[in-house]
Amino acid sequence: MKEELLEAIYGTVERLEQKVDELSASPKNAGAETVLSPASVDTSKLEKAILSASAREEETIGKLAKLREAICVYIDLTKKEVSKDEQRSKLLFDTVNQVKQELNDTSKVVQDKLHAIGYTPQKKVVTHRLEPTSKYVLLFIGGLALSLIFSIWGNFTQWREHQDWEEADLKYRALKMVLPSDDPNVRYIEKNFSVCPNKEV
């Protein structure tokens, strides 16, 4: 894009130079022709035309010089911009290469560590936390409470039965001591409520 623009500017400058050359050549030829023409021709107009053409030529030459200076400045600026772009792209390329190298080194270190971990036995310390909000902990505590309640209830029932047996035993002994041995009540008690009931009695 920049090269095409420069070519277009150079082409315009060359065309302007050609036109200046044509303008500078045409008054001289016209002057030469007027020399050959008869003396009746007025030369003052010709001199004015030559002076105006030379003034225009000088003005055009000045403009061309300014245009050339502007083109040179533009070319210098373009070269500086291109060199800056090249430096930036080179810096970016170097940075990308450096990051790529660092990533390769890091991945190699990680692969070596993984390889070493794969061949070494691992010791794991497992800790179990007992969370009171866990479902299994609540079920376990509930089961313990139920078993405790059943155990207390069973023990209390056995204790009451034992108390009843002791009371009945005391009553039986008291009756046996008070009543005669052939009393029908004593015989009935011995027959039906003995630990080893006597079936023959």
Protein backbone atom coordinates (compact mmCIF):
# COMPACT_ATOMS: atom_id res chain seq x y z
CA MET A 1 0.00 0.00 0.00
CA LYS A 2 2.75 2.46 0.94
CA GLU A 3 4.87 1.43 -2.06
CA GLU A 4 1.92 2.00 -4.41
CA LEU A 5 1.35 5.44 -2.89
CA LEU A 6 5.04 6.32 -3.35
CA GLU A 7 4.94 5.17 -6.99
CA ALA A 8 1.85 7.32 -7.60
CA ILE A 9 3.57 10.36 -6.05
CA TYR A 10 6.73 9.83 -8.12
CA GLY A 11 4.62 9.46 -11.26
CA THR A 12 2.85 12.75 -10.50
CA VAL A 13 6.18 14.50 -9.93
CA GLU A 14 7.55 13.19 -13.25
CA ARG A 15 4.44 14.40 -15.09
CA LEU A 16 4.76 17.82 -13.49
CA GLU A 17 8.43 17.99 -14.54
CA GLN A 18 7.47 17.09 -18.10
CA LYS A 19 4.84 19.83 -18.18
CA VAL A 20 7.35 22.34 -16.81
CA ASP A 21 9.82 21.32 -19.50
CA GLU A 22 7.12 21.69 -22.16
CA LEU A 23 6.15 25.12 -20.85
CA SER A 24 9.74 26.26 -20.73
CA ALA A 25 10.35 24.95 -24.26
CA SER A 26 7.23 26.45 -25.85
CA PRO A 27 7.94 30.19 -25.21
CA LYS A 28 11.46 29.84 -26.56
CA ASN A 29 10.16 28.23 -29.72
CA ALA A 30 7.52 30.90 -29.98
CA GLY A 31 10.22 33.53 -29.56
CA ALA A 32 12.30 31.87 -32.26
CA GLU A 33 9.35 31.87 -34.58
CA THR A 34 8.73 35.52 -33.86
CA VAL A 35 12.30 36.32 -34.77
CA LEU A 36 11.68 34.82 -38.17
CA SER A 37 8.37 36.67 -38.54
CA PRO A 38 8.20 40.16 -39.91
CA ALA A 39 9.22 43.13 -37.76
CA SER A 40 5.68 44.43 -37.50
CA VAL A 41 4.89 42.01 -34.63
CA ASP A 42 4.73 43.58 -31.17
CA THR A 43 7.40 42.02 -28.94
CA SER A 44 6.14 43.49 -25.67
CA LYS A 45 3.37 40.91 -25.41
CA LEU A 46 5.87 38.20 -26.17
CA GLU A 47 8.18 39.46 -23.46
CA LYS A 48 5.30 39.54 -20.97
CA ALA A 49 4.33 36.00 -21.94
CA ILE A 50 7.93 34.85 -21.55
CA LEU A 51 8.22 36.58 -18.17
CA SER A 52 4.94 35.11 -16.93
CA ALA A 53 5.94 31.67 -18.22
CA SER A 54 9.32 31.91 -16.51
CA ALA A 55 7.62 33.09 -13.30
CA ARG A 56 5.24 30.15 -13.50
CA GLU A 57 8.17 27.87 -14.22
CA GLU A 58 10.04 29.14 -11.15
CA GLU A 59 6.87 28.79 -9.05
CA THR A 60 6.36 25.27 -10.36
CA ILE A 61 10.01 24.42 -9.68
CA GLY A 62 9.62 25.75 -6.11
CA LYS A 63 6.48 23.67 -5.63
CA LEU A 64 8.26 20.62 -7.04
CA ALA A 65 11.16 21.18 -4.64
CA LYS A 66 8.74 21.43 -1.72
CA LEU A 67 6.95 18.33 -2.98
CA ARG A 68 10.25 16.45 -3.21
CA GLU A 69 11.13 17.52 0.34
CA ALA A 70 7.71 16.37 1.53
CA ILE A 71 8.18 13.04 -0.26
CA CYS A 72 11.61 12.61 1.32
CA VAL A 73 10.17 13.38 4.77
CA TYR A 74 7.30 10.96 4.11
CA ILE A 75 9.74 8.25 2.97
CA ASP A 76 11.87 8.78 6.08
CA LEU A 77 8.81 8.58 8.32
CA THR A 78 7.61 5.48 6.49
CA LYS A 79 11.01 3.83 6.89
CA LYS A 80 11.00 4.68 10.60
CA GLU A 81 7.49 3.26 10.99
CA VAL A 82 8.47 0.10 9.11
CA SER A 83 11.57 -0.30 11.26
CA LYS A 84 9.45 0.23 14.40
CA ASP A 85 6.95 -2.36 13.17
CA GLU A 86 9.79 -4.77 12.45
CA GLN A 87 11.24 -4.18 15.92
CA ARG A 88 7.82 -4.70 17.50
CA SER A 89 7.20 -7.88 15.54
CA LYS A 90 10.68 -9.13 16.39
CA LEU A 91 10.13 -8.32 20.08
CA LEU A 92 6.75 -10.05 19.98
CA PHE A 93 8.26 -13.07 18.24
CA ASP A 94 11.08 -13.25 20.81
CA THR A 95 8.57 -12.96 23.67
CA VAL A 96 6.41 -15.72 22.20
CA ASN A 97 9.47 -17.95 21.78
CA GLN A 98 10.57 -17.23 25.36
CA VAL A 99 7.10 -18.04 26.75
CA LYS A 100 6.99 -21.19 24.64
CA GLN A 101 10.40 -22.26 25.96
CA GLU A 102 9.31 -21.59 29.56
CA LEU A 103 6.13 -23.61 29.03
CA ASN A 104 8.14 -26.47 27.55
CA ASP A 105 10.52 -26.42 30.53
CA THR A 106 7.62 -26.31 32.99
CA SER A 107 5.79 -29.16 31.27
CA LYS A 108 8.99 -31.21 31.25
CA VAL A 109 9.44 -30.63 35.00
CA VAL A 110 5.81 -31.57 35.64
CA GLN A 111 6.14 -34.72 33.52
CA ASP A 112 9.29 -35.70 35.42
CA LYS A 113 7.50 -35.20 38.74
CA LEU A 114 4.51 -37.21 37.58
CA HIS A 115 6.82 -39.95 36.34
CA ALA A 116 8.63 -39.98 39.69
CA ILE A 117 5.32 -40.04 41.58
CA GLY A 118 4.11 -42.95 39.46
CA TYR A 119 7.05 -45.13 40.55
CA THR A 120 7.20 -44.18 44.24
CA PRO A 121 4.80 -45.60 46.83
CA GLN A 122 2.51 -43.06 48.34
CA LYS A 123 1.70 -42.83 52.04
CA LYS A 124 -1.71 -41.44 52.67
CA VAL A 125 -2.98 -40.34 56.05
CA VAL A 126 -6.74 -40.75 56.20
CA THR A 127 -8.59 -38.93 58.94
CA HIS A 128 -12.24 -39.54 59.70
CA ARG A 129 -14.25 -36.75 61.19
CA LEU A 130 -17.33 -37.43 63.20
CA GLU A 131 -19.80 -34.78 62.24
CA PRO A 132 -22.82 -34.55 64.53
CA THR A 133 -25.06 -33.52 61.65
CA SER A 134 -24.29 -36.64 59.61
CA LYS A 135 -27.18 -39.02 58.95
CA TYR A 136 -25.22 -42.09 60.03
CA VAL A 137 -24.09 -40.45 63.27
CA LEU A 138 -27.67 -39.52 64.12
CA LEU A 139 -28.85 -43.06 63.34
CA PHE A 140 -26.09 -44.50 65.52
CA ILE A 141 -26.94 -42.19 68.43
CA GLY A 142 -30.64 -42.99 68.04
CA GLY A 143 -29.88 -46.73 68.05
CA LEU A 144 -27.77 -46.37 71.18
CA ALA A 145 -30.54 -44.44 72.91
CA LEU A 146 -33.15 -47.06 71.96
CA SER A 147 -30.94 -49.93 73.13
CA LEU A 148 -30.32 -48.06 76.40
CA ILE A 149 -34.06 -47.55 76.91
CA PHE A 150 -34.82 -51.22 76.17
CA SER A 151 -32.01 -52.32 78.48
CA ILE A 152 -33.27 -50.12 81.32
CA TRP A 153 -36.85 -51.30 80.77
CA GLY A 154 -35.76 -54.96 80.72
CA ASN A 155 -33.69 -54.53 83.87
CA PHE A 156 -36.56 -52.75 85.59
CA THR A 157 -38.98 -55.55 84.59
CA GLN A 158 -36.58 -58.22 85.87
CA TRP A 159 -36.10 -56.30 89.10
CA ARG A 160 -39.88 -56.06 89.64
CA GLU A 161 -40.30 -59.76 88.91
CA HIS A 162 -37.51 -60.49 91.32
CA GLN A 163 -39.18 -58.31 93.95
CA ASP A 164 -42.49 -60.08 93.35
CA TRP A 165 -40.78 -63.47 93.73
CA GLU A 166 -39.09 -62.39 96.94
CA GLU A 167 -42.36 -61.05 98.31
CA ALA A 168 -44.20 -64.24 97.34
CA ASP A 169 -41.45 -66.32 98.91
CA LEU A 170 -41.71 -64.35 102.14
CA LYS A 171 -45.49 -64.76 102.16
CA TYR A 172 -45.18 -68.50 101.51
CA ARG A 173 -42.71 -68.91 104.34
CA ALA A 174 -44.92 -66.92 106.66
CA LEU A 175 -47.95 -69.02 105.72
CA LYS A 176 -46.00 -72.21 106.17
CA MET A 177 -44.82 -71.10 109.56
CA VAL A 178 -48.29 -70.07 110.70
CA LEU A 179 -50.44 -72.77 109.12
CA PRO A 180 -50.11 -76.49 109.73
CA SER A 181 -48.33 -78.56 107.07
CA ASP A 182 -51.48 -80.38 105.99
CA ASP A 183 -53.43 -77.19 105.38
CA PRO A 184 -55.08 -77.25 101.94
CA ASN A 185 -53.88 -73.70 101.11
CA VAL A 186 -50.26 -74.63 101.72
CA ARG A 187 -50.65 -77.78 99.69
CA TYR A 188 -52.26 -75.82 96.86
CA ILE A 189 -49.40 -73.30 96.88
CA GLU A 190 -46.77 -76.02 96.88
CA LYS A 191 -48.55 -77.83 94.09
CA ASN A 192 -49.05 -74.93 91.69
CA PHE A 193 -46.51 -72.23 92.57
CA SER A 194 -43.33 -74.08 93.39
CA VAL A 195 -40.23 -73.62 91.31
CA CYS A 196 -40.29 -77.33 90.74
CA PRO A 197 -43.98 -78.12 91.20
CA ASN A 198 -44.73 -81.50 92.63
CA LYS A 199 -47.24 -83.13 90.34
CA GLU A 200 -47.92 -85.99 92.73
CA VAL A 201 -49.18 -83.79 95.56
